[in-house]
Amino acid sequence: MHPRHAIPTAAAHHSAMTRRPGLHHGDTLYYRVAEVAAYFAVSPRTIYRLIEEGVLPAVRIKRCVRVPAPALARYETHLHAEELGSASEAV
């Protein structure tokens, strides 16, 4: 397989997402559902479900669905806070 057509791993997606300058400099960036799914190591269908339930905000550009970088960051913060809350309740 030609390297240009190699399928990136979830770790590669995570690395690429954290390296993007907009994620840290306030530029408006949008991620594809597949990128978000790879980042969280879940299926794209799971991400679509979160979007449909209104848990993860997204925008549609014609038939394309994109997740804004700030929404992704808020969702991840929410997950970490939820995890910490669950851990403190178990004590």
PDB file of N, CA and C in Angstrom:
ATOM      1  N   MET A   1       0.847  -1.177   0.000  1.00  0.00           N
ATOM      2  CA  MET A   1       0.000   0.000   0.000  1.00  0.00           C
ATOM      3  C   MET A   1       0.893   1.241   0.000  1.00  0.00           C
ATOM      4  N   HIS A   2       0.552   2.197  -0.804  1.00  0.00           N
ATOM      5  CA  HIS A   2       1.297   3.449  -0.882  1.00  0.00           C
ATOM      6  C   HIS A   2       1.138   4.195   0.444  1.00  0.00           C
ATOM      7  N   PRO A   3       2.199   4.777   1.015  1.00  0.00           N
ATOM      8  CA  PRO A   3       2.110   5.456   2.306  1.00  0.00           C
ATOM      9  C   PRO A   3       1.044   6.548   2.346  1.00  0.00           C
ATOM     10  N   ARG A   4       0.788   7.162   1.213  1.00  0.00           N
ATOM     11  CA  ARG A   4      -0.220   8.213   1.180  1.00  0.00           C
ATOM     12  C   ARG A   4      -1.605   7.653   1.454  1.00  0.00           C
ATOM     13  N   HIS A   5      -1.794   6.365   1.176  1.00  0.00           N
ATOM     14  CA  HIS A   5      -3.095   5.740   1.360  1.00  0.00           C
ATOM     15  C   HIS A   5      -3.170   4.908   2.628  1.00  0.00           C
ATOM     16  N   ALA A   6      -2.143   4.950   3.448  1.00  0.00           N
ATOM     17  CA  ALA A   6      -2.149   4.177   4.690  1.00  0.00           C
ATOM     18  C   ALA A   6      -3.210   4.736   5.634  1.00  0.00           C
ATOM     19  N   ILE A   7      -3.852   3.856   6.346  1.00  0.00           N
ATOM     20  CA  ILE A   7      -4.881   4.267   7.298  1.00  0.00           C
ATOM     21  C   ILE A   7      -4.185   4.665   8.591  1.00  0.00           C
ATOM     22  N   PRO A   8      -4.399   5.918   9.052  1.00  0.00           N
ATOM     23  CA  PRO A   8      -3.734   6.347  10.274  1.00  0.00           C
ATOM     24  C   PRO A   8      -4.339   5.655  11.496  1.00  0.00           C
ATOM     25  N   THR A   9      -3.540   5.473  12.521  1.00  0.00           N
ATOM     26  CA  THR A   9      -4.015   4.867  13.762  1.00  0.00           C
ATOM     27  C   THR A   9      -4.699   5.921  14.614  1.00  0.00           C
ATOM     28  N   ALA A  10      -5.415   5.463  15.644  1.00  0.00           N
ATOM     29  CA  ALA A  10      -6.062   6.397  16.569  1.00  0.00           C
ATOM     30  C   ALA A  10      -5.022   7.286  17.236  1.00  0.00           C
ATOM     31  N   ALA A  11      -3.865   6.721  17.560  1.00  0.00           N
ATOM     32  CA  ALA A  11      -2.806   7.515  18.187  1.00  0.00           C
ATOM     33  C   ALA A  11      -2.328   8.614  17.244  1.00  0.00           C
ATOM     34  N   ALA A  12      -2.251   8.299  15.958  1.00  0.00           N
ATOM     35  CA  ALA A  12      -1.843   9.309  14.977  1.00  0.00           C
ATOM     36  C   ALA A  12      -2.870  10.422  14.904  1.00  0.00           C
ATOM     37  N   HIS A  13      -4.153  10.054  14.955  1.00  0.00           N
ATOM     38  CA  HIS A  13      -5.203  11.085  14.950  1.00  0.00           C
ATOM     39  C   HIS A  13      -5.097  11.959  16.186  1.00  0.00           C
ATOM     40  N   HIS A  14      -4.905  11.326  17.350  1.00  0.00           N
ATOM     41  CA  HIS A  14      -4.784  12.085  18.586  1.00  0.00           C
ATOM     42  C   HIS A  14      -3.610  13.044  18.497  1.00  0.00           C
ATOM     43  N   SER A  15      -2.498  12.551  18.008  1.00  0.00           N
ATOM     44  CA  SER A  15      -1.308  13.374  17.873  1.00  0.00           C
ATOM     45  C   SER A  15      -1.563  14.538  16.920  1.00  0.00           C
ATOM     46  N   ALA A  16      -2.216  14.256  15.800  1.00  0.00           N
ATOM     47  CA  ALA A  16      -2.499  15.300  14.814  1.00  0.00           C
ATOM     48  C   ALA A  16      -3.451  16.340  15.390  1.00  0.00           C
ATOM     49  N   MET A  17      -4.447  15.897  16.159  1.00  0.00           N
ATOM     50  CA  MET A  17      -5.425  16.826  16.715  1.00  0.00           C
ATOM     51  C   MET A  17      -4.796  17.723  17.762  1.00  0.00           C
ATOM     52  N   THR A  18      -3.874  17.186  18.558  1.00  0.00           N
ATOM     53  CA  THR A  18      -3.265  18.015  19.588  1.00  0.00           C
ATOM     54  C   THR A  18      -2.193  18.930  19.017  1.00  0.00           C
ATOM     55  N   ARG A  19      -1.639  18.596  17.833  1.00  0.00           N
ATOM     56  CA  ARG A  19      -0.625  19.434  17.199  1.00  0.00           C
ATOM     57  C   ARG A  19      -1.224  20.582  16.420  1.00  0.00           C
ATOM     58  N   ARG A  20      -2.486  20.498  16.049  1.00  0.00           N
ATOM     59  CA  ARG A  20      -3.066  21.548  15.211  1.00  0.00           C
ATOM     60  C   ARG A  20      -3.026  22.871  15.947  1.00  0.00           C
ATOM     61  N   PRO A  21      -2.486  23.896  15.314  1.00  0.00           N
ATOM     62  CA  PRO A  21      -2.312  25.172  16.000  1.00  0.00           C
ATOM     63  C   PRO A  21      -3.621  25.786  16.460  1.00  0.00           C
ATOM     64  N   GLY A  22      -4.695  25.622  15.734  1.00  0.00           N
ATOM     65  CA  GLY A  22      -5.967  26.244  16.089  1.00  0.00           C
ATOM     66  C   GLY A  22      -6.523  25.754  17.401  1.00  0.00           C
ATOM     67  N   LEU A  23      -6.181  24.544  17.755  1.00  0.00           N
ATOM     68  CA  LEU A  23      -6.689  23.973  18.992  1.00  0.00           C
ATOM     69  C   LEU A  23      -6.156  24.746  20.190  1.00  0.00           C
ATOM     70  N   HIS A  24      -5.000  25.339  20.042  1.00  0.00           N
ATOM     71  CA  HIS A  24      -4.374  26.058  21.148  1.00  0.00           C
ATOM     72  C   HIS A  24      -4.362  27.571  20.966  1.00  0.00           C
ATOM     73  N   HIS A  25      -4.668  28.042  19.779  1.00  0.00           N
ATOM     74  CA  HIS A  25      -4.576  29.475  19.524  1.00  0.00           C
ATOM     75  C   HIS A  25      -5.919  30.133  19.252  1.00  0.00           C
ATOM     76  N   GLY A  26      -7.030  29.422  19.464  1.00  0.00           N
ATOM     77  CA  GLY A  26      -8.336  30.026  19.324  1.00  0.00           C
ATOM     78  C   GLY A  26      -8.854  30.118  17.903  1.00  0.00           C
ATOM     79  N   ASP A  27      -8.139  29.580  16.918  1.00  0.00           N
ATOM     80  CA  ASP A  27      -8.664  29.574  15.557  1.00  0.00           C
ATOM     81  C   ASP A  27      -9.873  28.656  15.499  1.00  0.00           C
ATOM     82  N   THR A  28     -10.819  28.966  14.633  1.00  0.00           N
ATOM     83  CA  THR A  28     -11.979  28.107  14.469  1.00  0.00           C
ATOM     84  C   THR A  28     -11.588  26.913  13.621  1.00  0.00           C
ATOM     85  N   LEU A  29     -11.743  25.725  14.198  1.00  0.00           N
ATOM     86  CA  LEU A  29     -11.441  24.489  13.493  1.00  0.00           C
ATOM     87  C   LEU A  29     -12.617  23.541  13.635  1.00  0.00           C
ATOM     88  N   TYR A  30     -12.793  22.746  12.651  1.00  0.00           N
ATOM     89  CA  TYR A  30     -13.860  21.752  12.656  1.00  0.00           C
ATOM     90  C   TYR A  30     -13.250  20.393  12.365  1.00  0.00           C
ATOM     91  N   TYR A  31     -13.734  19.380  13.069  1.00  0.00           N
ATOM     92  CA  TYR A  31     -13.242  18.021  12.878  1.00  0.00           C
ATOM     93  C   TYR A  31     -14.315  17.145  12.254  1.00  0.00           C
ATOM     94  N   ARG A  32     -13.900  16.227  11.406  1.00  0.00           N
ATOM     95  CA  ARG A  32     -14.806  15.247  10.832  1.00  0.00           C
ATOM     96  C   ARG A  32     -15.211  14.264  11.926  1.00  0.00           C
ATOM     97  N   VAL A  33     -16.370  13.660  11.735  1.00  0.00           N
ATOM     98  CA  VAL A  33     -16.857  12.674  12.695  1.00  0.00           C
ATOM     99  C   VAL A  33     -15.844  11.540  12.843  1.00  0.00           C
ATOM    100  N   ALA A  34     -15.257  11.095  11.756  1.00  0.00           N
ATOM    101  CA  ALA A  34     -14.273  10.011  11.813  1.00  0.00           C
ATOM    102  C   ALA A  34     -13.056  10.400  12.652  1.00  0.00           C
ATOM    103  N   GLU A  35     -12.626  11.665  12.585  1.00  0.00           N
ATOM    104  CA  GLU A  35     -11.492  12.135  13.386  1.00  0.00           C
ATOM    105  C   GLU A  35     -11.841  12.117  14.868  1.00  0.00           C
ATOM    106  N   VAL A  36     -13.052  12.577  15.186  1.00  0.00           N
ATOM    107  CA  VAL A  36     -13.500  12.601  16.581  1.00  0.00           C
ATOM    108  C   VAL A  36     -13.613  11.171  17.110  1.00  0.00           C
ATOM    109  N   ALA A  37     -14.172  10.279  16.297  1.00  0.00           N
ATOM    110  CA  ALA A  37     -14.312   8.878  16.693  1.00  0.00           C
ATOM    111  C   ALA A  37     -12.941   8.250  16.950  1.00  0.00           C
ATOM    112  N   ALA A  38     -11.983   8.508  16.090  1.00  0.00           N
ATOM    113  CA  ALA A  38     -10.635   7.966  16.268  1.00  0.00           C
ATOM    114  C   ALA A  38      -9.987   8.538  17.529  1.00  0.00           C
ATOM    115  N   TYR A  39     -10.188   9.803  17.778  1.00  0.00           N
ATOM    116  CA  TYR A  39      -9.623  10.463  18.953  1.00  0.00           C
ATOM    117  C   TYR A  39     -10.092   9.790  20.240  1.00  0.00           C
ATOM    118  N   PHE A  40     -11.405   9.475  20.298  1.00  0.00           N
ATOM    119  CA  PHE A  40     -11.979   8.842  21.487  1.00  0.00           C
ATOM    120  C   PHE A  40     -11.958   7.314  21.416  1.00  0.00           C
ATOM    121  N   ALA A  41     -11.450   6.765  20.324  1.00  0.00           N
ATOM    122  CA  ALA A  41     -11.384   5.308  20.123  1.00  0.00           C
ATOM    123  C   ALA A  41     -12.761   4.661  20.226  1.00  0.00           C
ATOM    124  N   VAL A  42     -13.742   5.284  19.554  1.00  0.00           N
ATOM    125  CA  VAL A  42     -15.097   4.747  19.457  1.00  0.00           C
ATOM    126  C   VAL A  42     -15.493   4.724  17.994  1.00  0.00           C
ATOM    127  N   SER A  43     -16.650   4.166  17.699  1.00  0.00           N
ATOM    128  CA  SER A  43     -17.099   4.115  16.307  1.00  0.00           C
ATOM    129  C   SER A  43     -17.697   5.460  15.898  1.00  0.00           C
ATOM    130  N   PRO A  44     -17.675   5.776  14.613  1.00  0.00           N
ATOM    131  CA  PRO A  44     -18.323   6.996  14.139  1.00  0.00           C
ATOM    132  C   PRO A  44     -19.816   7.024  14.511  1.00  0.00           C
ATOM    133  N   ARG A  45     -20.453   5.854  14.543  1.00  0.00           N
ATOM    134  CA  ARG A  45     -21.880   5.802  14.897  1.00  0.00           C
ATOM    135  C   ARG A  45     -22.104   6.331  16.312  1.00  0.00           C
ATOM    136  N   THR A  46     -21.179   6.046  17.220  1.00  0.00           N
ATOM    137  CA  THR A  46     -21.281   6.565  18.588  1.00  0.00           C
ATOM    138  C   THR A  46     -21.247   8.088  18.581  1.00  0.00           C
ATOM    139  N   ILE A  47     -20.381   8.652  17.770  1.00  0.00           N
ATOM    140  CA  ILE A  47     -20.286  10.117  17.684  1.00  0.00           C
ATOM    141  C   ILE A  47     -21.565  10.690  17.075  1.00  0.00           C
ATOM    142  N   TYR A  48     -22.072  10.054  16.022  1.00  0.00           N
ATOM    143  CA  TYR A  48     -23.341  10.511  15.437  1.00  0.00           C
ATOM    144  C   TYR A  48     -24.463  10.466  16.477  1.00  0.00           C
ATOM    145  N   ARG A  49     -24.482   9.426  17.309  1.00  0.00           N
ATOM    146  CA  ARG A  49     -25.506   9.320  18.353  1.00  0.00           C
ATOM    147  C   ARG A  49     -25.387  10.471  19.343  1.00  0.00           C
ATOM    148  N   LEU A  50     -24.154  10.799  19.766  1.00  0.00           N
ATOM    149  CA  LEU A  50     -23.947  11.921  20.681  1.00  0.00           C
ATOM    150  C   LEU A  50     -24.431  13.228  20.061  1.00  0.00           C
ATOM    151  N   ILE A  51     -24.202  13.381  18.770  1.00  0.00           N
ATOM    152  CA  ILE A  51     -24.656  14.583  18.060  1.00  0.00           C
ATOM    153  C   ILE A  51     -26.177  14.614  18.000  1.00  0.00           C
ATOM    154  N   GLU A  52     -26.789  13.486  17.633  1.00  0.00           N
ATOM    155  CA  GLU A  52     -28.255  13.409  17.534  1.00  0.00           C
ATOM    156  C   GLU A  52     -28.924  13.667  18.876  1.00  0.00           C
ATOM    157  N   GLU A  53     -28.299  13.222  19.980  1.00  0.00           N
ATOM    158  CA  GLU A  53     -28.839  13.418  21.320  1.00  0.00           C
ATOM    159  C   GLU A  53     -28.595  14.831  21.842  1.00  0.00           C
ATOM    160  N   GLY A  54     -27.809  15.618  21.109  1.00  0.00           N
ATOM    161  CA  GLY A  54     -27.516  16.978  21.530  1.00  0.00           C
ATOM    162  C   GLY A  54     -26.412  17.075  22.570  1.00  0.00           C
ATOM    163  N   VAL A  55     -25.720  15.972  22.818  1.00  0.00           N
ATOM    164  CA  VAL A  55     -24.641  15.942  23.804  1.00  0.00           C
ATOM    165  C   VAL A  55     -23.380  16.586  23.242  1.00  0.00           C
ATOM    166  N   LEU A  56     -23.116  16.346  21.969  1.00  0.00           N
ATOM    167  CA  LEU A  56     -21.938  16.893  21.296  1.00  0.00           C
ATOM    168  C   LEU A  56     -22.409  17.801  20.160  1.00  0.00           C
ATOM    169  N   PRO A  57     -22.184  19.102  20.280  1.00  0.00           N
ATOM    170  CA  PRO A  57     -22.619  20.018  19.224  1.00  0.00           C
ATOM    171  C   PRO A  57     -21.879  19.775  17.905  1.00  0.00           C
ATOM    172  N   ALA A  58     -22.567  19.996  16.817  1.00  0.00           N
ATOM    173  CA  ALA A  58     -21.976  19.834  15.487  1.00  0.00           C
ATOM    174  C   ALA A  58     -22.679  20.771  14.521  1.00  0.00           C
ATOM    175  N   VAL A  59     -22.043  21.000  13.398  1.00  0.00           N
ATOM    176  CA  VAL A  59     -22.641  21.807  12.340  1.00  0.00           C
ATOM    177  C   VAL A  59     -22.714  20.955  11.077  1.00  0.00           C
ATOM    178  N   ARG A  60     -23.667  21.268  10.249  1.00  0.00           N
ATOM    179  CA  ARG A  60     -23.799  20.585   8.967  1.00  0.00           C
ATOM    180  C   ARG A  60     -23.458  21.563   7.852  1.00  0.00           C
ATOM    181  N   ILE A  61     -22.652  21.085   6.933  1.00  0.00           N
ATOM    182  CA  ILE A  61     -22.331  21.841   5.727  1.00  0.00           C
ATOM    183  C   ILE A  61     -22.791  20.939   4.593  1.00  0.00           C
ATOM    184  N   LYS A  62     -23.977  21.247   4.101  1.00  0.00           N
ATOM    185  CA  LYS A  62     -24.668  20.356   3.157  1.00  0.00           C
ATOM    186  C   LYS A  62     -24.817  18.999   3.827  1.00  0.00           C
ATOM    187  N   ARG A  63     -24.209  17.956   3.283  1.00  0.00           N
ATOM    188  CA  ARG A  63     -24.345  16.626   3.865  1.00  0.00           C
ATOM    189  C   ARG A  63     -23.187  16.253   4.791  1.00  0.00           C
ATOM    190  N   CYS A  64     -22.280  17.182   5.001  1.00  0.00           N
ATOM    191  CA  CYS A  64     -21.114  16.922   5.850  1.00  0.00           C
ATOM    192  C   CYS A  64     -21.391  17.384   7.276  1.00  0.00           C
ATOM    193  N   VAL A  65     -20.969  16.585   8.236  1.00  0.00           N
ATOM    194  CA  VAL A  65     -21.118  16.926   9.648  1.00  0.00           C
ATOM    195  C   VAL A  65     -19.736  17.218  10.203  1.00  0.00           C
ATOM    196  N   ARG A  66     -19.608  18.345  10.891  1.00  0.00           N
ATOM    197  CA  ARG A  66     -18.328  18.739  11.484  1.00  0.00           C
ATOM    198  C   ARG A  66     -18.548  19.124  12.946  1.00  0.00           C
ATOM    199  N   VAL A  67     -17.561  18.785  13.772  1.00  0.00           N
ATOM    200  CA  VAL A  67     -17.603  19.124  15.192  1.00  0.00           C
ATOM    201  C   VAL A  67     -16.614  20.264  15.429  1.00  0.00           C
ATOM    202  N   PRO A  68     -17.101  21.406  15.935  1.00  0.00           N
ATOM    203  CA  PRO A  68     -16.187  22.517  16.208  1.00  0.00           C
ATOM    204  C   PRO A  68     -15.187  22.145  17.308  1.00  0.00           C
ATOM    205  N   ALA A  69     -13.945  22.570  17.160  1.00  0.00           N
ATOM    206  CA  ALA A  69     -12.894  22.270  18.135  1.00  0.00           C
ATOM    207  C   ALA A  69     -13.278  22.708  19.549  1.00  0.00           C
ATOM    208  N   PRO A  70     -13.857  23.897  19.740  1.00  0.00           N
ATOM    209  CA  PRO A  70     -14.229  24.288  21.114  1.00  0.00           C
ATOM    210  C   PRO A  70     -15.281  23.348  21.718  1.00  0.00           C
ATOM    211  N   ALA A  71     -16.204  22.860  20.910  1.00  0.00           N
ATOM    212  CA  ALA A  71     -17.225  21.929  21.407  1.00  0.00           C
ATOM    213  C   ALA A  71     -16.577  20.614  21.817  1.00  0.00           C
ATOM    214  N   LEU A  72     -15.603  20.181  21.048  1.00  0.00           N
ATOM    215  CA  LEU A  72     -14.886  18.951  21.371  1.00  0.00           C
ATOM    216  C   LEU A  72     -14.129  19.111  22.689  1.00  0.00           C
ATOM    217  N   ALA A  73     -13.487  20.249  22.869  1.00  0.00           N
ATOM    218  CA  ALA A  73     -12.743  20.512  24.108  1.00  0.00           C
ATOM    219  C   ALA A  73     -13.691  20.551  25.308  1.00  0.00           C
ATOM    220  N   ARG A  74     -14.868  21.200  25.157  1.00  0.00           N
ATOM    221  CA  ARG A  74     -15.848  21.251  26.249  1.00  0.00           C
ATOM    222  C   ARG A  74     -16.353  19.858  26.597  1.00  0.00           C
ATOM    223  N   TYR A  75     -16.618  19.052  25.571  1.00  0.00           N
ATOM    224  CA  TYR A  75     -17.112  17.703  25.802  1.00  0.00           C
ATOM    225  C   TYR A  75     -16.070  16.866  26.540  1.00  0.00           C
ATOM    226  N   GLU A  76     -14.821  16.989  26.143  1.00  0.00           N
ATOM    227  CA  GLU A  76     -13.759  16.232  26.809  1.00  0.00           C
ATOM    228  C   GLU A  76     -13.615  16.680  28.270  1.00  0.00           C
ATOM    229  N   THR A  77     -13.710  17.977  28.522  1.00  0.00           N
ATOM    230  CA  THR A  77     -13.656  18.497  29.890  1.00  0.00           C
ATOM    231  C   THR A  77     -14.807  17.935  30.714  1.00  0.00           C
ATOM    232  N   HIS A  78     -15.992  17.894  30.105  1.00  0.00           N
ATOM    233  CA  HIS A  78     -17.180  17.337  30.755  1.00  0.00           C
ATOM    234  C   HIS A  78     -16.947  15.867  31.114  1.00  0.00           C
ATOM    235  N   LEU A  79     -16.356  15.096  30.198  1.00  0.00           N
ATOM    236  CA  LEU A  79     -16.079  13.684  30.462  1.00  0.00           C
ATOM    237  C   LEU A  79     -15.126  13.515  31.644  1.00  0.00           C
ATOM    238  N   HIS A  80     -14.078  14.355  31.678  1.00  0.00           N
ATOM    239  CA  HIS A  80     -13.106  14.273  32.775  1.00  0.00           C
ATOM    240  C   HIS A  80     -13.754  14.657  34.101  1.00  0.00           C
ATOM    241  N   ALA A  81     -14.594  15.686  34.101  1.00  0.00           N
ATOM    242  CA  ALA A  81     -15.278  16.110  35.322  1.00  0.00           C
ATOM    243  C   ALA A  81     -16.231  15.017  35.803  1.00  0.00           C
ATOM    244  N   GLU A  82     -16.926  14.399  34.862  1.00  0.00           N
ATOM    245  CA  GLU A  82     -17.841  13.309  35.187  1.00  0.00           C
ATOM    246  C   GLU A  82     -17.060  12.136  35.798  1.00  0.00           C
ATOM    247  N   GLU A  83     -15.912  11.834  35.219  1.00  0.00           N
ATOM    248  CA  GLU A  83     -15.062  10.739  35.707  1.00  0.00           C
ATOM    249  C   GLU A  83     -14.570  11.045  37.123  1.00  0.00           C
ATOM    250  N   LEU A  84     -14.154  12.270  37.364  1.00  0.00           N
ATOM    251  CA  LEU A  84     -13.687  12.654  38.699  1.00  0.00           C
ATOM    252  C   LEU A  84     -14.819  12.601  39.710  1.00  0.00           C
ATOM    253  N   GLY A  85     -16.001  13.017  39.293  1.00  0.00           N
ATOM    254  CA  GLY A  85     -17.172  12.968  40.179  1.00  0.00           C
ATOM    255  C   GLY A  85     -17.515  11.542  40.557  1.00  0.00           C
ATOM    256  N   SER A  86     -17.448  10.635  39.609  1.00  0.00           N
ATOM    257  CA  SER A  86     -17.727   9.228  39.860  1.00  0.00           C
ATOM    258  C   SER A  86     -16.688   8.628  40.793  1.00  0.00           C
ATOM    259  N   ALA A  87     -15.442   9.017  40.628  1.00  0.00           N
ATOM    260  CA  ALA A  87     -14.361   8.491  41.466  1.00  0.00           C
ATOM    261  C   ALA A  87     -14.518   8.969  42.904  1.00  0.00           C
ATOM    262  N   SER A  88     -14.924  10.220  43.109  1.00  0.00           N
ATOM    263  CA  SER A  88     -15.060  10.749  44.474  1.00  0.00           C
ATOM    264  C   SER A  88     -16.288  10.154  45.157  1.00  0.00           C
ATOM    265  N   GLU A  89     -17.322   9.781  44.393  1.00  0.00           N
ATOM    266  CA  GLU A  89     -18.504   9.163  44.980  1.00  0.00           C
ATOM    267  C   GLU A  89     -18.205   7.754  45.449  1.00  0.00           C
ATOM    268  N   ALA A  90     -17.257   7.094  44.814  1.00  0.00           N
ATOM    269  CA  ALA A  90     -16.908   5.713  45.159  1.00  0.00           C
ATOM    270  C   ALA A  90     -16.122   5.640  46.459  1.00  0.00           C
ATOM    271  N   VAL A  91     -15.556   6.755  46.903  1.00  0.00           N
ATOM    272  CA  VAL A  91     -14.715   6.764  48.114  1.00  0.00           C
ATOM    273  C   VAL A  91     -15.562   6.799  49.336  1.00  0.00           C
TER     274      VAL A  91
END
